[in-house]
């Protein structure tokens, strides 16, 4: 059996090696390393795939979040509500723009932001909501969009982990995550479902006016070279990375289906286990693309399981070990930790097993049997 990796990028690369090399060679031969034709071609392909009017490539997923927030033209001190159980980048960009991150608890089934907690946190200073489609699963967007409409709020989707996921509205209409709110931000970090071979990101929107503004922000505030109409940043997707992403986008649905198949196989092994809670799957699983396969370990010692797996050379991850409200950078004496009962429990229980499109049946069988062995 091949050595188990948390993410097996080398095997994935070997499968598409010629296509990637051919595209990269085109970039070298054209020597258009910044904003070259390959960036525009990837952008067009992405717009077509997501059925969204505007894809604005940028340097990384964190920039995508920050630039999207800049597009809202909020004032210092304005409040932005987001999840307490997520990677720090989501709150980080709020703070960098001198806005106030308002953290709320999450749903125990999906680990995504709890709409009821969102509504309770809304004040006269609230201007936006950032739902995170955590681990690849779509947040409760029907409820979030209803709240945004009711209270006149912007919605910025943190879609860094869920590219390719589909949300089915209560009326039966479907749309890709990242295209549901005012704007979406995604990441092309190498380990993502659609990953570059370096950093990369994109802003997604159907709003023509917002897209026009954001296109200037990503390029020093310029529409015309050396004429700076707005305050911007320098955040562009490298042409070489675009050439790689253009190849990999063709395989994204295949990659996501392989991840779903692996997740279902995992869950079949762990089904009804007294110490394990498997990931929630809604309907036909279209709303979850399994960037991570994350279990909850209940009535047992999660950290002991981590050690047990590591000793048997099975990698695993804890996403995330500390809630944002307890991180030094975001501690607020006015925040009561008791307001986050779900998050406080999850950080003690979650464990993510290897998840990628190259996982084999024998690897999954070995991983699952080892996990089950721990509890015997």
Protein backbone atom coordinates (compact mmCIF):
# COMPACT_ATOMS: atom_id res chain seq x y z
CA UNK A 1 0.00 0.00 0.00
CA UNK A 2 1.24 3.47 -0.92
CA UNK A 3 2.22 5.76 1.95
CA UNK A 4 -0.81 7.66 3.21
CA UNK A 5 -0.73 11.44 2.79
CA UNK A 6 -3.08 14.01 4.29
CA UNK A 7 -3.15 15.50 0.77
CA UNK A 8 -1.44 13.67 -2.10
CA UNK A 9 -0.53 16.47 -4.52
CA UNK A 10 2.27 14.50 -6.17
CA UNK A 11 0.00 11.70 -7.39
CA UNK A 12 -2.53 14.26 -8.59
CA UNK A 13 0.19 16.10 -10.51
CA UNK A 14 1.46 12.92 -12.19
CA UNK A 15 -2.02 12.38 -13.66
CA UNK A 16 -2.11 15.82 -15.33
CA UNK A 17 1.62 16.36 -15.79
CA UNK A 18 1.66 16.77 -19.59
CA UNK A 19 -1.26 19.21 -19.68
CA UNK A 20 0.25 21.31 -16.92
CA UNK A 21 3.67 21.31 -18.58
CA UNK A 22 2.19 22.32 -21.95
CA UNK A 23 0.32 25.25 -20.42
CA UNK A 24 3.29 26.42 -18.40
CA UNK A 25 5.49 26.23 -21.50
CA UNK A 26 3.07 28.55 -23.29
CA UNK A 27 3.55 31.07 -20.50
CA UNK A 28 7.33 30.79 -20.67
CA UNK A 29 7.31 31.20 -24.44
CA UNK A 30 5.01 34.23 -24.30
CA UNK A 31 6.87 35.65 -21.27
CA UNK A 32 3.65 37.29 -20.05
CA UNK A 33 4.11 36.42 -16.40
CA UNK A 34 1.67 38.98 -14.96
CA UNK A 35 -1.91 39.37 -16.26
CA UNK A 36 -1.13 37.26 -19.30
CA UNK A 37 -3.67 35.66 -21.65
CA UNK A 38 -3.77 32.51 -19.49
CA UNK A 39 -5.19 34.54 -16.58
CA UNK A 40 -8.02 35.82 -18.76
CA UNK A 41 -8.65 32.35 -20.17
CA UNK A 42 -8.85 30.80 -16.70
CA UNK A 43 -11.11 33.62 -15.54
CA UNK A 44 -13.51 32.96 -18.43
CA UNK A 45 -13.50 29.20 -17.76
CA UNK A 46 -14.21 29.82 -14.08
CA UNK A 47 -17.08 32.18 -14.87
CA UNK A 48 -18.59 29.56 -17.13
CA UNK A 49 -18.14 26.76 -14.58
CA UNK A 50 -19.67 28.73 -11.71
CA UNK A 51 -22.31 30.42 -13.89
CA UNK A 52 -21.27 33.75 -12.37
CA UNK A 53 -20.87 37.03 -14.24
CA UNK A 54 -17.53 38.07 -12.77
CA UNK A 55 -14.48 36.17 -11.55
CA UNK A 56 -11.71 38.54 -10.44
CA UNK A 57 -8.46 36.63 -9.85
CA UNK A 58 -6.14 37.80 -7.07
CA UNK A 59 -3.04 36.72 -5.19
CA UNK A 60 -4.56 34.51 -2.48
CA UNK A 61 -7.74 33.65 -0.61
CA UNK A 62 -7.10 36.05 2.27
CA UNK A 63 -6.70 38.91 -0.20
CA UNK A 64 -9.95 37.81 -1.83
CA UNK A 65 -11.73 38.23 1.51
CA UNK A 66 -10.11 41.58 2.26
CA UNK A 67 -10.71 43.00 -1.22
CA UNK A 68 -14.34 41.88 -1.12
CA UNK A 69 -14.85 43.69 2.19
CA UNK A 70 -13.12 46.78 0.79
CA UNK A 71 -15.68 46.70 -2.00
CA UNK A 72 -18.47 47.33 0.53
CA UNK A 73 -16.97 50.71 1.54
CA UNK A 74 -17.69 50.19 5.24
CA UNK A 75 -16.66 52.64 7.94
CA UNK A 76 -14.23 51.94 10.81
CA UNK A 77 -16.12 50.38 13.70
CA UNK A 78 -18.83 48.85 11.54
CA UNK A 79 -19.65 45.31 12.65
CA UNK A 80 -19.25 42.18 10.55
CA UNK A 81 -20.70 38.91 11.84
CA UNK A 82 -18.86 35.68 11.18
CA UNK A 83 -18.24 32.21 12.58
CA UNK A 84 -16.23 31.55 15.72
CA UNK A 85 -15.23 28.12 14.39
CA UNK A 86 -13.08 28.79 11.34
CA UNK A 87 -9.58 29.68 10.17
CA UNK A 88 -8.37 33.06 11.43
CA UNK A 89 -8.23 34.70 7.98
CA UNK A 90 -11.97 35.34 8.09
CA UNK A 91 -11.74 37.50 11.22
CA UNK A 92 -8.28 38.75 10.33
CA UNK A 93 -9.40 40.75 7.29
CA UNK A 94 -12.25 42.33 9.27
CA UNK A 95 -9.80 43.58 11.88
CA UNK A 96 -7.23 44.74 9.31
CA UNK A 97 -9.85 47.06 7.81
CA UNK A 98 -10.59 48.52 11.29
CA UNK A 99 -14.00 46.88 11.30
CA UNK A 100 -15.30 44.93 14.29
CA UNK A 101 -15.52 41.13 13.99
CA UNK A 102 -18.60 39.82 15.79
CA UNK A 103 -18.16 36.10 16.39
CA UNK A 104 -21.12 33.77 16.77
CA UNK A 105 -21.58 30.07 17.45
CA UNK A 106 -22.10 27.34 14.88
CA UNK A 107 -24.52 24.55 14.08
CA UNK A 108 -23.44 21.26 15.74
CA UNK A 109 -24.34 19.20 12.66
CA UNK A 110 -22.71 21.19 9.87
CA UNK A 111 -20.15 23.23 11.88
CA UNK A 112 -21.33 26.24 9.86
CA UNK A 113 -22.56 29.56 11.22
CA UNK A 114 -25.87 29.34 13.10
CA UNK A 115 -28.46 31.72 11.56
CA UNK A 116 -30.27 32.07 14.90
CA UNK A 117 -27.03 33.19 16.53
CA UNK A 118 -26.47 35.61 13.66
CA UNK A 119 -29.84 37.29 14.14
CA UNK A 120 -29.28 37.66 17.89
CA UNK A 121 -25.95 39.39 17.18
CA UNK A 122 -27.30 41.98 14.75
CA UNK A 123 -27.16 45.59 15.98
CA UNK A 124 -27.54 49.02 14.39
CA UNK A 125 -23.81 48.86 13.57
CA UNK A 126 -23.99 45.52 11.74
CA UNK A 127 -23.23 45.91 8.04
CA UNK A 128 -22.29 42.46 6.76
CA UNK A 129 -22.33 38.71 7.37
CA UNK A 130 -19.51 36.37 6.36
CA UNK A 131 -20.76 32.77 6.31
CA UNK A 132 -17.97 30.22 5.95
CA UNK A 133 -18.70 27.08 3.93
CA UNK A 134 -16.55 25.09 6.32
CA UNK A 135 -14.79 21.86 5.30
CA UNK A 136 -16.59 22.02 1.93
CA UNK A 137 -20.19 22.09 3.18
CA UNK A 138 -22.54 24.89 2.20
CA UNK A 139 -23.83 27.05 5.04
CA UNK A 140 -27.55 27.64 5.61
CA UNK A 141 -27.73 30.22 2.86
CA UNK A 142 -31.52 30.47 2.59
CA UNK A 143 -31.72 31.69 6.18
CA UNK A 144 -28.64 33.90 5.91
CA UNK A 145 -29.86 35.61 2.75
CA UNK A 146 -33.26 36.17 4.37
CA UNK A 147 -31.57 37.84 7.34
CA UNK A 148 -29.47 39.98 5.00
CA UNK A 149 -32.58 41.15 3.19
CA UNK A 150 -34.49 41.76 6.42
CA UNK A 151 -31.72 43.89 7.98
CA UNK A 152 -30.18 45.32 4.77
CA UNK A 153 -26.80 43.62 5.18
CA UNK A 154 -24.06 42.61 2.75
CA UNK A 155 -23.23 38.90 2.43
CA UNK A 156 -19.66 37.83 1.70
CA UNK A 157 -19.27 34.07 1.31
CA UNK A 158 -15.98 32.60 2.49
CA UNK A 159 -15.81 29.88 -0.15
CA UNK A 160 -12.16 28.96 0.36
CA UNK A 161 -12.98 25.34 1.20
CA UNK A 162 -16.09 24.69 -0.90
CA UNK A 163 -15.34 25.44 -4.54
CA UNK A 164 -17.67 23.35 -6.69
CA UNK A 165 -20.31 22.77 -4.02
CA UNK A 166 -23.92 23.36 -5.04
CA UNK A 167 -26.60 24.94 -2.88
CA UNK A 168 -30.22 23.95 -3.48
CA UNK A 169 -32.61 26.66 -2.36
CA UNK A 170 -35.94 25.80 -0.77
CA UNK A 171 -37.63 26.69 -4.08
CA UNK A 172 -35.53 24.06 -5.87
CA UNK A 173 -33.21 26.50 -7.64
CA UNK A 174 -29.52 25.56 -7.60
CA UNK A 175 -26.37 27.68 -7.62
CA UNK A 176 -22.70 27.20 -6.83
CA UNK A 177 -21.37 28.35 -3.49
CA UNK A 178 -19.57 31.67 -3.74
CA UNK A 179 -22.21 33.02 -6.13
CA UNK A 180 -25.11 33.24 -3.67
CA UNK A 181 -24.42 36.46 -1.75
CA UNK A 182 -23.24 39.89 -2.86
CA UNK A 183 -19.75 38.52 -3.33
CA UNK A 184 -17.75 35.35 -2.72
CA UNK A 185 -14.07 34.81 -1.96
CA UNK A 186 -12.17 31.64 -2.74
CA UNK A 187 -8.65 30.31 -2.35
CA UNK A 188 -6.44 28.29 -4.67
CA UNK A 189 -3.94 27.27 -1.97
CA UNK A 190 -2.34 23.98 -3.14
CA UNK A 191 -4.28 21.74 -0.73
CA UNK A 192 -7.67 23.13 -1.76
CA UNK A 193 -10.03 21.10 -3.98
CA UNK A 194 -8.97 23.38 -6.83
CA UNK A 195 -5.40 24.16 -5.85
CA UNK A 196 -2.59 25.95 -7.63
CA UNK A 197 1.10 25.17 -7.19
CA UNK A 198 1.51 28.25 -5.06
CA UNK A 199 -0.82 30.94 -3.74
CA UNK A 200 -3.87 32.19 -5.59
CA UNK A 201 -7.43 33.35 -5.04
CA UNK A 202 -10.46 34.95 -6.66
CA UNK A 203 -13.42 37.20 -5.96
CA UNK A 204 -16.78 36.10 -7.38
CA UNK A 205 -19.83 38.28 -7.96
CA UNK A 206 -22.87 38.87 -10.14
CA UNK A 207 -22.91 42.57 -9.26
CA UNK A 208 -21.57 44.60 -12.21
CA UNK A 209 -20.90 47.76 -10.21
CA UNK A 210 -19.15 45.91 -7.40
CA UNK A 211 -17.07 43.94 -9.89
CA UNK A 212 -15.95 47.16 -11.61
CA UNK A 213 -14.85 48.62 -8.28
CA UNK A 214 -13.04 45.45 -7.18
CA UNK A 215 -11.15 45.18 -10.47
CA UNK A 216 -9.53 48.51 -9.63
CA UNK A 217 -8.85 47.56 -6.01
CA UNK A 218 -6.82 44.46 -6.97
CA UNK A 219 -4.55 46.55 -9.23
CA UNK A 220 -3.49 49.55 -7.10
CA UNK A 221 -6.82 51.28 -7.68
CA UNK A 222 -6.16 51.67 -11.41
CA UNK A 223 -8.51 51.37 -14.37
CA UNK A 224 -5.92 53.14 -16.54
CA UNK A 225 -2.22 52.67 -15.94
CA UNK A 226 -0.77 55.28 -13.54
CA UNK A 227 -4.21 56.80 -12.90
CA UNK A 228 -5.34 55.78 -9.42
CA UNK A 229 -9.08 56.28 -8.99
CA UNK A 230 -9.49 54.43 -5.68
CA UNK A 231 -7.27 53.19 -2.87
CA UNK A 232 -6.24 49.69 -3.86
CA UNK A 233 -3.76 46.91 -3.24
CA UNK A 234 -1.38 44.84 -5.33
CA UNK A 235 -3.04 41.44 -5.59
CA UNK A 236 -2.83 39.62 -8.90
CA UNK A 237 -2.99 35.95 -9.80
CA UNK A 238 0.33 34.85 -11.26
CA UNK A 239 0.02 33.79 -14.93
CA UNK A 240 1.84 30.51 -14.25
CA UNK A 241 -0.63 29.66 -11.51
CA UNK A 242 -3.53 30.52 -13.83
CA UNK A 243 -2.11 28.13 -16.44
CA UNK A 244 -2.12 25.32 -13.85
CA UNK A 245 -5.58 26.17 -12.57
CA UNK A 246 -6.96 26.21 -16.10
CA UNK A 247 -5.98 22.55 -16.43
CA UNK A 248 -7.17 21.53 -12.99
CA UNK A 249 -10.55 23.26 -13.34
CA UNK A 250 -11.43 20.72 -16.04
CA UNK A 251 -11.03 18.00 -13.40
CA UNK A 252 -12.68 19.76 -10.46
CA UNK A 253 -15.96 17.87 -10.65
CA UNK A 254 -14.02 14.60 -10.91
CA UNK A 255 -11.87 15.56 -7.91
CA UNK A 256 -14.94 16.47 -5.88
CA UNK A 257 -16.74 13.24 -6.78
CA UNK A 258 -13.71 11.23 -5.71
CA UNK A 259 -13.70 13.08 -2.40
CA UNK A 260 -17.40 12.36 -1.92
CA UNK A 261 -16.85 8.67 -2.68
CA UNK A 262 -14.04 8.54 -0.12
CA UNK A 263 -16.21 10.33 2.46
CA UNK A 264 -19.11 7.92 1.94
CA UNK A 265 -16.75 4.96 2.32
CA UNK A 266 -15.36 6.41 5.54
CA UNK A 267 -18.85 7.03 6.91
CA UNK A 268 -20.05 3.54 6.03
CA UNK A 269 -17.31 2.12 8.27
CA UNK A 270 -18.05 4.50 11.13
CA UNK A 271 -21.83 4.39 10.89
CA UNK A 272 -23.63 4.14 14.24
CA UNK A 273 -20.38 3.96 16.21
CA UNK A 274 -20.96 5.05 19.79
CA UNK A 275 -17.83 7.21 19.90
CA UNK A 276 -17.88 8.76 16.43
CA UNK A 277 -20.16 11.29 14.75
CA UNK A 278 -19.73 11.28 10.98
CA UNK A 279 -20.06 14.43 8.83
CA UNK A 280 -23.57 15.59 8.08
CA UNK A 281 -24.58 15.04 4.45
CA UNK A 282 -27.66 16.76 3.05
CA UNK A 283 -29.67 15.17 0.24
CA UNK A 284 -27.55 13.82 -2.62
CA UNK A 285 -24.36 15.32 -1.15
CA UNK A 286 -24.18 18.10 -3.76
CA UNK A 287 -23.79 20.68 -1.01
CA UNK A 288 -20.61 19.11 0.41
CA UNK A 289 -17.34 18.68 -1.50
CA UNK A 290 -15.30 17.41 1.47
CA UNK A 291 -12.31 19.66 1.58
CA UNK A 292 -11.92 17.89 4.91
CA UNK A 293 -13.46 14.72 6.28
CA UNK A 294 -14.03 15.69 9.90
CA UNK A 295 -15.30 13.39 12.63
CA UNK A 296 -16.41 14.22 16.14
CA UNK A 297 -14.95 11.96 18.84
CA UNK A 298 -17.45 11.77 21.71
CA UNK A 299 -17.13 10.18 25.16
CA UNK A 300 -13.51 9.35 24.42
CA UNK A 301 -10.06 10.96 24.15
CA UNK A 302 -9.62 12.68 20.79
CA UNK A 303 -5.97 13.57 21.44
CA UNK A 304 -5.16 9.96 22.33
CA UNK A 305 -6.65 8.92 18.97
CA UNK A 306 -4.40 11.45 17.22
CA UNK A 307 -1.34 9.93 18.90
CA UNK A 308 -2.53 6.42 18.05
CA UNK A 309 -2.88 7.28 14.36
CA UNK A 310 0.41 9.15 14.17
CA UNK A 311 2.29 6.18 15.63
CA UNK A 312 0.84 4.08 12.82
CA UNK A 313 1.92 6.67 10.22
CA UNK A 314 -1.61 7.83 9.51
CA UNK A 315 -1.68 11.63 9.27
CA UNK A 316 -4.62 13.56 10.68
CA UNK A 317 -5.45 17.13 11.56
CA UNK A 318 -7.25 19.18 14.18
CA UNK A 319 -9.17 21.94 12.43
CA UNK A 320 -9.41 23.95 14.63
CA UNK A 321 -7.85 23.51 18.11
CA UNK A 322 -8.69 26.98 19.46
CA UNK A 323 -11.88 28.98 18.79
CA UNK A 324 -11.37 32.49 17.45
CA UNK A 325 -12.83 34.09 20.57
CA UNK A 326 -9.99 32.50 22.59
CA UNK A 327 -7.17 33.46 20.21
CA UNK A 328 -4.84 36.13 21.62
CA UNK A 329 -5.35 38.37 18.60
CA UNK A 330 -9.14 38.39 18.99
CA UNK A 331 -9.75 38.17 22.73
CA UNK A 332 -12.35 40.70 23.84
CA UNK A 333 -13.07 41.00 27.58
CA UNK A 334 -16.68 41.77 26.69
CA UNK A 335 -17.11 38.36 25.07
CA UNK A 336 -18.43 35.59 27.29
CA UNK A 337 -17.04 32.19 26.31
CA UNK A 338 -20.30 30.63 27.48
CA UNK A 339 -21.93 32.11 24.38
CA UNK A 340 -20.10 29.54 22.25
CA UNK A 341 -21.11 26.14 23.68
CA UNK A 342 -21.00 24.32 20.33
CA UNK A 343 -17.64 25.72 19.25
CA UNK A 344 -16.13 25.10 22.68
CA UNK A 345 -17.19 21.46 22.41
CA UNK A 346 -16.10 20.99 18.81
CA UNK A 347 -12.51 22.09 19.42
CA UNK A 348 -12.22 19.21 21.90
CA UNK A 349 -13.80 16.62 19.60
CA UNK A 350 -12.97 17.21 15.92
CA UNK A 351 -10.42 15.21 13.99
CA UNK A 352 -9.89 15.31 10.23
CA UNK A 353 -8.73 12.19 8.42
CA UNK A 354 -6.78 12.10 5.14
CA UNK A 355 -8.96 13.44 2.33
CA UNK A 356 -8.03 13.92 -1.30
CA UNK A 357 -9.00 12.68 -4.73
CA UNK A 358 -6.20 10.08 -4.86
CA UNK A 359 -7.22 8.07 -1.79
CA UNK A 360 -7.47 4.37 -2.58
CA UNK A 361 -9.87 1.84 -1.10
CA UNK A 362 -7.10 -0.03 0.64
CA UNK A 363 -5.84 3.19 2.24
CA UNK A 364 -9.33 4.07 3.48
CA UNK A 365 -9.82 0.52 4.74
CA UNK A 366 -6.55 0.70 6.67
CA UNK A 367 -7.33 4.14 8.12
CA UNK A 368 -10.83 3.17 9.22
CA UNK A 369 -9.80 -0.17 10.68
CA UNK A 370 -7.06 1.58 12.67
CA UNK A 371 -9.51 4.17 14.01
CA UNK A 372 -11.96 1.43 15.01
CA UNK A 373 -9.15 -0.57 16.56
CA UNK A 374 -8.41 2.37 18.87
CA UNK A 375 -11.86 2.06 20.45
CA UNK A 376 -11.72 -1.71 21.05
